[in-house]
Amino acid sequence: MGVNKLQEEPTKENTILEPEQVVTHPIYCAPKSIGELFGFSRSTTSRLLNEYKENDRGVKDMYLSLSSTLVVIKIEKFEKWLKLKNGEWL
């Protein structure tokens, strides 16, 4: 294995030294967590998922049902679906 020259010298600014410096952007979350993220109760989240089953408004594959007790929702698609649903009750 050859030795490679570094393209950029490590500095305090471009090196992660602490776990708090790592930033992640979640892609999926559980129904309970998505309710907390958007300020919904668990029952509202369940109602919205049931409504999605009836009318997906063109947003396909918003969630994955991995088992009878494990469902994960794609956050980006959930937000898109909510925006399409916005104002329908008027």
PDB file of N, CA and C in Angstrom:
ATOM      1  N   MET A   1       0.855  -1.176   0.000  1.00  0.00           N
ATOM      2  CA  MET A   1       0.000   0.000   0.000  1.00  0.00           C
ATOM      3  C   MET A   1       0.893   1.228   0.000  1.00  0.00           C
ATOM      4  N   GLY A   2       0.675   2.126  -0.942  1.00  0.00           N
ATOM      5  CA  GLY A   2       1.503   3.316  -1.072  1.00  0.00           C
ATOM      6  C   GLY A   2       1.071   4.428  -0.128  1.00  0.00           C
ATOM      7  N   VAL A   3       1.977   5.347   0.079  1.00  0.00           N
ATOM      8  CA  VAL A   3       1.704   6.508   0.917  1.00  0.00           C
ATOM      9  C   VAL A   3       1.189   7.627   0.026  1.00  0.00           C
ATOM     10  N   ASN A   4       0.052   8.203   0.421  1.00  0.00           N
ATOM     11  CA  ASN A   4      -0.547   9.300  -0.339  1.00  0.00           C
ATOM     12  C   ASN A   4      -0.298  10.614   0.380  1.00  0.00           C
ATOM     13  N   LYS A   5      -0.028  11.635  -0.380  1.00  0.00           N
ATOM     14  CA  LYS A   5       0.107  12.965   0.205  1.00  0.00           C
ATOM     15  C   LYS A   5      -1.283  13.533   0.461  1.00  0.00           C
ATOM     16  N   LEU A   6      -1.420  14.212   1.580  1.00  0.00           N
ATOM     17  CA  LEU A   6      -2.685  14.855   1.894  1.00  0.00           C
ATOM     18  C   LEU A   6      -2.898  16.046   0.976  1.00  0.00           C
ATOM     19  N   GLN A   7      -4.121  16.175   0.470  1.00  0.00           N
ATOM     20  CA  GLN A   7      -4.451  17.318  -0.374  1.00  0.00           C
ATOM     21  C   GLN A   7      -4.596  18.588   0.464  1.00  0.00           C
ATOM     22  N   GLU A   8      -5.061  18.406   1.690  1.00  0.00           N
ATOM     23  CA  GLU A   8      -5.265  19.539   2.576  1.00  0.00           C
ATOM     24  C   GLU A   8      -4.804  19.129   3.967  1.00  0.00           C
ATOM     25  N   GLU A   9      -4.048  19.969   4.597  1.00  0.00           N
ATOM     26  CA  GLU A   9      -3.540  19.680   5.936  1.00  0.00           C
ATOM     27  C   GLU A   9      -4.692  19.700   6.942  1.00  0.00           C
ATOM     28  N   PRO A  10      -4.719  18.751   7.878  1.00  0.00           N
ATOM     29  CA  PRO A  10      -5.742  18.778   8.922  1.00  0.00           C
ATOM     30  C   PRO A  10      -5.562  20.006   9.814  1.00  0.00           C
ATOM     31  N   THR A  11      -6.668  20.685  10.067  1.00  0.00           N
ATOM     32  CA  THR A  11      -6.668  21.824  10.977  1.00  0.00           C
ATOM     33  C   THR A  11      -7.813  21.634  11.957  1.00  0.00           C
ATOM     34  N   LYS A  12      -7.876  22.487  12.957  1.00  0.00           N
ATOM     35  CA  LYS A  12      -8.958  22.407  13.930  1.00  0.00           C
ATOM     36  C   LYS A  12     -10.312  22.655  13.265  1.00  0.00           C
ATOM     37  N   GLU A  13     -10.324  23.475  12.220  1.00  0.00           N
ATOM     38  CA  GLU A  13     -11.577  23.827  11.546  1.00  0.00           C
ATOM     39  C   GLU A  13     -12.099  22.712  10.628  1.00  0.00           C
ATOM     40  N   ASN A  14     -11.218  21.907  10.045  1.00  0.00           N
ATOM     41  CA  ASN A  14     -11.687  20.890   9.099  1.00  0.00           C
ATOM     42  C   ASN A  14     -11.595  19.469   9.655  1.00  0.00           C
ATOM     43  N   THR A  15     -11.421  19.332  10.952  1.00  0.00           N
ATOM     44  CA  THR A  15     -11.305  18.021  11.579  1.00  0.00           C
ATOM     45  C   THR A  15     -12.341  17.880  12.691  1.00  0.00           C
ATOM     46  N   ILE A  16     -13.041  16.775  12.695  1.00  0.00           N
ATOM     47  CA  ILE A  16     -14.012  16.492  13.756  1.00  0.00           C
ATOM     48  C   ILE A  16     -13.257  15.922  14.936  1.00  0.00           C
ATOM     49  N   LEU A  17     -13.389  16.594  16.072  1.00  0.00           N
ATOM     50  CA  LEU A  17     -12.699  16.170  17.273  1.00  0.00           C
ATOM     51  C   LEU A  17     -13.650  15.671  18.359  1.00  0.00           C
ATOM     52  N   GLU A  18     -14.897  16.121  18.305  1.00  0.00           N
ATOM     53  CA  GLU A  18     -15.888  15.775  19.321  1.00  0.00           C
ATOM     54  C   GLU A  18     -17.130  15.179  18.660  1.00  0.00           C
ATOM     55  N   PRO A  19     -17.807  14.239  19.327  1.00  0.00           N
ATOM     56  CA  PRO A  19     -19.031  13.663  18.758  1.00  0.00           C
ATOM     57  C   PRO A  19     -20.119  14.710  18.484  1.00  0.00           C
ATOM     58  N   GLU A  20     -20.140  15.791  19.249  1.00  0.00           N
ATOM     59  CA  GLU A  20     -21.146  16.839  19.057  1.00  0.00           C
ATOM     60  C   GLU A  20     -20.975  17.569  17.726  1.00  0.00           C
ATOM     61  N   GLN A  21     -19.815  17.455  17.108  1.00  0.00           N
ATOM     62  CA  GLN A  21     -19.555  18.122  15.843  1.00  0.00           C
ATOM     63  C   GLN A  21     -20.165  17.379  14.652  1.00  0.00           C
ATOM     64  N   VAL A  22     -20.589  16.149  14.852  1.00  0.00           N
ATOM     65  CA  VAL A  22     -21.173  15.351  13.780  1.00  0.00           C
ATOM     66  C   VAL A  22     -22.650  15.718  13.653  1.00  0.00           C
ATOM     67  N   VAL A  23     -23.055  16.136  12.467  1.00  0.00           N
ATOM     68  CA  VAL A  23     -24.441  16.522  12.203  1.00  0.00           C
ATOM     69  C   VAL A  23     -25.018  15.539  11.195  1.00  0.00           C
ATOM     70  N   THR A  24     -26.181  14.992  11.518  1.00  0.00           N
ATOM     71  CA  THR A  24     -26.851  14.083  10.596  1.00  0.00           C
ATOM     72  C   THR A  24     -28.234  14.639  10.266  1.00  0.00           C
ATOM     73  N   HIS A  25     -28.733  14.267   9.123  1.00  0.00           N
ATOM     74  CA  HIS A  25     -30.072  14.650   8.706  1.00  0.00           C
ATOM     75  C   HIS A  25     -30.872  13.366   8.555  1.00  0.00           C
ATOM     76  N   PRO A  26     -31.842  13.134   9.465  1.00  0.00           N
ATOM     77  CA  PRO A  26     -32.610  11.891   9.405  1.00  0.00           C
ATOM     78  C   PRO A  26     -33.429  11.782   8.127  1.00  0.00           C
ATOM     79  N   ILE A  27     -33.543  10.568   7.641  1.00  0.00           N
ATOM     80  CA  ILE A  27     -34.318  10.304   6.429  1.00  0.00           C
ATOM     81  C   ILE A  27     -35.648   9.658   6.800  1.00  0.00           C
ATOM     82  N   TYR A  28     -35.623   8.690   7.693  1.00  0.00           N
ATOM     83  CA  TYR A  28     -36.813   7.976   8.137  1.00  0.00           C
ATOM     84  C   TYR A  28     -36.994   8.162   9.639  1.00  0.00           C
ATOM     85  N   CYS A  29     -38.233   8.041  10.100  1.00  0.00           N
ATOM     86  CA  CYS A  29     -38.473   7.982  11.539  1.00  0.00           C
ATOM     87  C   CYS A  29     -39.749   7.192  11.804  1.00  0.00           C
ATOM     88  N   ALA A  30     -39.895   6.779  13.045  1.00  0.00           N
ATOM     89  CA  ALA A  30     -41.062   6.008  13.467  1.00  0.00           C
ATOM     90  C   ALA A  30     -42.273   6.942  13.607  1.00  0.00           C
ATOM     91  N   PRO A  31     -43.485   6.405  13.550  1.00  0.00           N
ATOM     92  CA  PRO A  31     -44.677   7.240  13.675  1.00  0.00           C
ATOM     93  C   PRO A  31     -44.695   8.094  14.940  1.00  0.00           C
ATOM     94  N   LYS A  32     -44.280   7.538  16.060  1.00  0.00           N
ATOM     95  CA  LYS A  32     -44.247   8.313  17.303  1.00  0.00           C
ATOM     96  C   LYS A  32     -43.292   9.494  17.157  1.00  0.00           C
ATOM     97  N   SER A  33     -42.138   9.248  16.561  1.00  0.00           N
ATOM     98  CA  SER A  33     -41.138  10.306  16.401  1.00  0.00           C
ATOM     99  C   SER A  33     -41.576  11.358  15.401  1.00  0.00           C
ATOM    100  N   ILE A  34     -42.254  10.944  14.335  1.00  0.00           N
ATOM    101  CA  ILE A  34     -42.690  11.938  13.350  1.00  0.00           C
ATOM    102  C   ILE A  34     -43.777  12.817  13.938  1.00  0.00           C
ATOM    103  N   GLY A  35     -44.577  12.251  14.819  1.00  0.00           N
ATOM    104  CA  GLY A  35     -45.564  13.058  15.525  1.00  0.00           C
ATOM    105  C   GLY A  35     -44.905  14.108  16.389  1.00  0.00           C
ATOM    106  N   GLU A  36     -43.860  13.716  17.091  1.00  0.00           N
ATOM    107  CA  GLU A  36     -43.113  14.669  17.916  1.00  0.00           C
ATOM    108  C   GLU A  36     -42.427  15.719  17.047  1.00  0.00           C
ATOM    109  N   LEU A  37     -41.915  15.301  15.910  1.00  0.00           N
ATOM    110  CA  LEU A  37     -41.221  16.206  14.996  1.00  0.00           C
ATOM    111  C   LEU A  37     -42.159  17.296  14.452  1.00  0.00           C
ATOM    112  N   PHE A  38     -43.399  16.902  14.125  1.00  0.00           N
ATOM    113  CA  PHE A  38     -44.360  17.843  13.546  1.00  0.00           C
ATOM    114  C   PHE A  38     -45.367  18.377  14.561  1.00  0.00           C
ATOM    115  N   GLY A  39     -45.297  17.910  15.800  1.00  0.00           N
ATOM    116  CA  GLY A  39     -46.214  18.393  16.827  1.00  0.00           C
ATOM    117  C   GLY A  39     -47.571  17.719  16.814  1.00  0.00           C
ATOM    118  N   PHE A  40     -47.650  16.459  16.350  1.00  0.00           N
ATOM    119  CA  PHE A  40     -48.895  15.696  16.319  1.00  0.00           C
ATOM    120  C   PHE A  40     -48.906  14.697  17.462  1.00  0.00           C
ATOM    121  N   SER A  41     -50.104  14.301  17.864  1.00  0.00           N
ATOM    122  CA  SER A  41     -50.225  13.188  18.806  1.00  0.00           C
ATOM    123  C   SER A  41     -50.055  11.885  18.021  1.00  0.00           C
ATOM    124  N   ARG A  42     -49.853  10.808  18.724  1.00  0.00           N
ATOM    125  CA  ARG A  42     -49.703   9.500  18.075  1.00  0.00           C
ATOM    126  C   ARG A  42     -50.986   9.121  17.341  1.00  0.00           C
ATOM    127  N   SER A  43     -52.139   9.457  17.932  1.00  0.00           N
ATOM    128  CA  SER A  43     -53.414   9.116  17.280  1.00  0.00           C
ATOM    129  C   SER A  43     -53.598   9.918  15.984  1.00  0.00           C
ATOM    130  N   THR A  44     -53.170  11.171  15.960  1.00  0.00           N
ATOM    131  CA  THR A  44     -53.254  11.970  14.732  1.00  0.00           C
ATOM    132  C   THR A  44     -52.347  11.393  13.662  1.00  0.00           C
ATOM    133  N   THR A  45     -51.163  10.980  14.072  1.00  0.00           N
ATOM    134  CA  THR A  45     -50.236  10.359  13.118  1.00  0.00           C
ATOM    135  C   THR A  45     -50.855   9.100  12.526  1.00  0.00           C
ATOM    136  N   SER A  46     -51.478   8.261  13.362  1.00  0.00           N
ATOM    137  CA  SER A  46     -52.135   7.043  12.872  1.00  0.00           C
ATOM    138  C   SER A  46     -53.265   7.386  11.911  1.00  0.00           C
ATOM    139  N   ARG A  47     -54.051   8.407  12.243  1.00  0.00           N
ATOM    140  CA  ARG A  47     -55.148   8.825  11.371  1.00  0.00           C
ATOM    141  C   ARG A  47     -54.619   9.304  10.028  1.00  0.00           C
ATOM    142  N   LEU A  48     -53.535  10.074  10.051  1.00  0.00           N
ATOM    143  CA  LEU A  48     -52.948  10.563   8.802  1.00  0.00           C
ATOM    144  C   LEU A  48     -52.404   9.411   7.949  1.00  0.00           C
ATOM    145  N   LEU A  49     -51.775   8.428   8.587  1.00  0.00           N
ATOM    146  CA  LEU A  49     -51.271   7.270   7.834  1.00  0.00           C
ATOM    147  C   LEU A  49     -52.412   6.476   7.216  1.00  0.00           C
ATOM    148  N   ASN A  50     -53.515   6.337   7.945  1.00  0.00           N
ATOM    149  CA  ASN A  50     -54.683   5.645   7.391  1.00  0.00           C
ATOM    150  C   ASN A  50     -55.273   6.436   6.223  1.00  0.00           C
ATOM    151  N   GLU A  51     -55.288   7.757   6.353  1.00  0.00           N
ATOM    152  CA  GLU A  51     -55.770   8.607   5.256  1.00  0.00           C
ATOM    153  C   GLU A  51     -54.853   8.487   4.038  1.00  0.00           C
ATOM    154  N   TYR A  52     -53.553   8.391   4.277  1.00  0.00           N
ATOM    155  CA  TYR A  52     -52.595   8.220   3.187  1.00  0.00           C
ATOM    156  C   TYR A  52     -52.873   6.921   2.424  1.00  0.00           C
ATOM    157  N   LYS A  53     -53.236   5.847   3.154  1.00  0.00           N
ATOM    158  CA  LYS A  53     -53.545   4.569   2.503  1.00  0.00           C
ATOM    159  C   LYS A  53     -54.722   4.719   1.534  1.00  0.00           C
ATOM    160  N   GLU A  54     -55.694   5.564   1.904  1.00  0.00           N
ATOM    161  CA  GLU A  54     -56.872   5.775   1.066  1.00  0.00           C
ATOM    162  C   GLU A  54     -56.588   6.702  -0.116  1.00  0.00           C
ATOM    163  N   ASN A  55     -55.741   7.724   0.103  1.00  0.00           N
ATOM    164  CA  ASN A  55     -55.459   8.701  -0.950  1.00  0.00           C
ATOM    165  C   ASN A  55     -54.024   9.194  -0.794  1.00  0.00           C
ATOM    166  N   ASP A  56     -53.137   8.681  -1.634  1.00  0.00           N
ATOM    167  CA  ASP A  56     -51.724   9.050  -1.499  1.00  0.00           C
ATOM    168  C   ASP A  56     -51.378  10.380  -2.163  1.00  0.00           C
ATOM    169  N   ARG A  57     -52.352  10.980  -2.871  1.00  0.00           N
ATOM    170  CA  ARG A  57     -52.170  12.282  -3.536  1.00  0.00           C
ATOM    171  C   ARG A  57     -50.930  12.311  -4.431  1.00  0.00           C
ATOM    172  N   GLY A  58     -50.603  11.174  -4.987  1.00  0.00           N
ATOM    173  CA  GLY A  58     -49.466  11.090  -5.904  1.00  0.00           C
ATOM    174  C   GLY A  58     -48.113  10.903  -5.240  1.00  0.00           C
ATOM    175  N   VAL A  59     -48.075  10.859  -3.916  1.00  0.00           N
ATOM    176  CA  VAL A  59     -46.814  10.653  -3.194  1.00  0.00           C
ATOM    177  C   VAL A  59     -46.681   9.151  -2.931  1.00  0.00           C
ATOM    178  N   LYS A  60     -45.836   8.504  -3.685  1.00  0.00           N
ATOM    179  CA  LYS A  60     -45.684   7.051  -3.578  1.00  0.00           C
ATOM    180  C   LYS A  60     -44.621   6.684  -2.553  1.00  0.00           C
ATOM    181  N   ASP A  61     -44.799   5.536  -1.928  1.00  0.00           N
ATOM    182  CA  ASP A  61     -43.815   4.962  -0.996  1.00  0.00           C
ATOM    183  C   ASP A  61     -43.422   5.922   0.118  1.00  0.00           C
ATOM    184  N   MET A  62     -44.420   6.505   0.786  1.00  0.00           N
ATOM    185  CA  MET A  62     -44.132   7.445   1.866  1.00  0.00           C
ATOM    186  C   MET A  62     -43.623   6.725   3.110  1.00  0.00           C
ATOM    187  N   TYR A  63     -44.074   5.496   3.320  1.00  0.00           N
ATOM    188  CA  TYR A  63     -43.603   4.768   4.495  1.00  0.00           C
ATOM    189  C   TYR A  63     -43.364   3.314   4.152  1.00  0.00           C
ATOM    190  N   LEU A  64     -42.585   2.675   5.015  1.00  0.00           N
ATOM    191  CA  LEU A  64     -42.292   1.261   4.866  1.00  0.00           C
ATOM    192  C   LEU A  64     -42.850   0.530   6.081  1.00  0.00           C
ATOM    193  N   SER A  65     -43.612  -0.506   5.844  1.00  0.00           N
ATOM    194  CA  SER A  65     -44.109  -1.350   6.923  1.00  0.00           C
ATOM    195  C   SER A  65     -43.234  -2.594   6.944  1.00  0.00           C
ATOM    196  N   LEU A  66     -42.241  -2.578   7.825  1.00  0.00           N
ATOM    197  CA  LEU A  66     -41.236  -3.640   7.843  1.00  0.00           C
ATOM    198  C   LEU A  66     -41.697  -4.884   8.581  1.00  0.00           C
ATOM    199  N   SER A  67     -42.608  -4.724   9.522  1.00  0.00           N
ATOM    200  CA  SER A  67     -43.218  -5.852  10.221  1.00  0.00           C
ATOM    201  C   SER A  67     -44.544  -5.356  10.792  1.00  0.00           C
ATOM    202  N   SER A  68     -45.236  -6.224  11.515  1.00  0.00           N
ATOM    203  CA  SER A  68     -46.530  -5.810  12.066  1.00  0.00           C
ATOM    204  C   SER A  68     -46.386  -4.717  13.122  1.00  0.00           C
ATOM    205  N   THR A  69     -45.204  -4.577  13.684  1.00  0.00           N
ATOM    206  CA  THR A  69     -44.997  -3.575  14.724  1.00  0.00           C
ATOM    207  C   THR A  69     -43.978  -2.489  14.346  1.00  0.00           C
ATOM    208  N   LEU A  70     -43.383  -2.579  13.169  1.00  0.00           N
ATOM    209  CA  LEU A  70     -42.352  -1.612  12.789  1.00  0.00           C
ATOM    210  C   LEU A  70     -42.702  -0.914  11.480  1.00  0.00           C
ATOM    211  N   VAL A  71     -42.983   0.377  11.601  1.00  0.00           N
ATOM    212  CA  VAL A  71     -43.271   1.226  10.448  1.00  0.00           C
ATOM    213  C   VAL A  71     -42.300   2.392  10.503  1.00  0.00           C
ATOM    214  N   VAL A  72     -41.685   2.713   9.361  1.00  0.00           N
ATOM    215  CA  VAL A  72     -40.830   3.896   9.281  1.00  0.00           C
ATOM    216  C   VAL A  72     -41.351   4.785   8.158  1.00  0.00           C
ATOM    217  N   ILE A  73     -41.339   6.086   8.415  1.00  0.00           N
ATOM    218  CA  ILE A  73     -41.900   7.063   7.483  1.00  0.00           C
ATOM    219  C   ILE A  73     -40.770   7.899   6.912  1.00  0.00           C
ATOM    220  N   LYS A  74     -40.782   8.095   5.609  1.00  0.00           N
ATOM    221  CA  LYS A  74     -39.791   8.958   4.974  1.00  0.00           C
ATOM    222  C   LYS A  74     -40.213  10.413   5.213  1.00  0.00           C
ATOM    223  N   ILE A  75     -39.414  11.132   5.971  1.00  0.00           N
ATOM    224  CA  ILE A  75     -39.767  12.477   6.437  1.00  0.00           C
ATOM    225  C   ILE A  75     -40.059  13.427   5.280  1.00  0.00           C
ATOM    226  N   GLU A  76     -39.225  13.427   4.273  1.00  0.00           N
ATOM    227  CA  GLU A  76     -39.386  14.334   3.133  1.00  0.00           C
ATOM    228  C   GLU A  76     -40.714  14.091   2.417  1.00  0.00           C
ATOM    229  N   LYS A  77     -41.061  12.822   2.205  1.00  0.00           N
ATOM    230  CA  LYS A  77     -42.310  12.507   1.507  1.00  0.00           C
ATOM    231  C   LYS A  77     -43.522  12.790   2.380  1.00  0.00           C
ATOM    232  N   PHE A  78     -43.399  12.593   3.696  1.00  0.00           N
ATOM    233  CA  PHE A  78     -44.493  12.906   4.615  1.00  0.00           C
ATOM    234  C   PHE A  78     -44.788  14.405   4.570  1.00  0.00           C
ATOM    235  N   GLU A  79     -43.760  15.215   4.586  1.00  0.00           N
ATOM    236  CA  GLU A  79     -43.931  16.664   4.520  1.00  0.00           C
ATOM    237  C   GLU A  79     -44.565  17.073   3.181  1.00  0.00           C
ATOM    238  N   LYS A  80     -44.129  16.441   2.103  1.00  0.00           N
ATOM    239  CA  LYS A  80     -44.703  16.732   0.778  1.00  0.00           C
ATOM    240  C   LYS A  80     -46.189  16.383   0.757  1.00  0.00           C
ATOM    241  N   TRP A  81     -46.553  15.222   1.316  1.00  0.00           N
ATOM    242  CA  TRP A  81     -47.948  14.789   1.365  1.00  0.00           C
ATOM    243  C   TRP A  81     -48.786  15.746   2.204  1.00  0.00           C
ATOM    244  N   LEU A  82     -48.232  16.206   3.335  1.00  0.00           N
ATOM    245  CA  LEU A  82     -48.961  17.163   4.168  1.00  0.00           C
ATOM    246  C   LEU A  82     -49.221  18.468   3.414  1.00  0.00           C
ATOM    247  N   LYS A  83     -48.242  18.916   2.635  1.00  0.00           N
ATOM    248  CA  LYS A  83     -48.420  20.151   1.859  1.00  0.00           C
ATOM    249  C   LYS A  83     -49.519  19.983   0.822  1.00  0.00           C
ATOM    250  N   LEU A  84     -49.616  18.795   0.216  1.00  0.00           N
ATOM    251  CA  LEU A  84     -50.680  18.542  -0.758  1.00  0.00           C
ATOM    252  C   LEU A  84     -52.048  18.475  -0.078  1.00  0.00           C
ATOM    253  N   LYS A  85     -52.068  18.001   1.147  1.00  0.00           N
ATOM    254  CA  LYS A  85     -53.306  17.875   1.913  1.00  0.00           C
ATOM    255  C   LYS A  85     -53.754  19.221   2.478  1.00  0.00           C
ATOM    256  N   ASN A  86     -52.842  20.145   2.614  1.00  0.00           N
ATOM    257  CA  ASN A  86     -53.105  21.443   3.238  1.00  0.00           C
ATOM    258  C   ASN A  86     -54.300  22.161   2.608  1.00  0.00           C
ATOM    259  N   GLY A  87     -55.235  22.578   3.469  1.00  0.00           N
ATOM    260  CA  GLY A  87     -56.371  23.370   3.026  1.00  0.00           C
ATOM    261  C   GLY A  87     -57.531  22.596   2.442  1.00  0.00           C
ATOM    262  N   GLU A  88     -57.450  21.262   2.376  1.00  0.00           N
ATOM    263  CA  GLU A  88     -58.542  20.473   1.791  1.00  0.00           C
ATOM    264  C   GLU A  88     -59.820  20.528   2.614  1.00  0.00           C
ATOM    265  N   TRP A  89     -59.704  20.809   3.880  1.00  0.00           N
ATOM    266  CA  TRP A  89     -60.888  20.842   4.745  1.00  0.00           C
ATOM    267  C   TRP A  89     -61.724  22.096   4.533  1.00  0.00           C
ATOM    268  N   LEU A  90     -61.180  23.087   3.819  1.00  0.00           N
ATOM    269  CA  LEU A  90     -61.923  24.343   3.590  1.00  0.00           C
ATOM    270  C   LEU A  90     -63.123  24.141   2.682  1.00  0.00           C
TER     271      LEU A  90
END
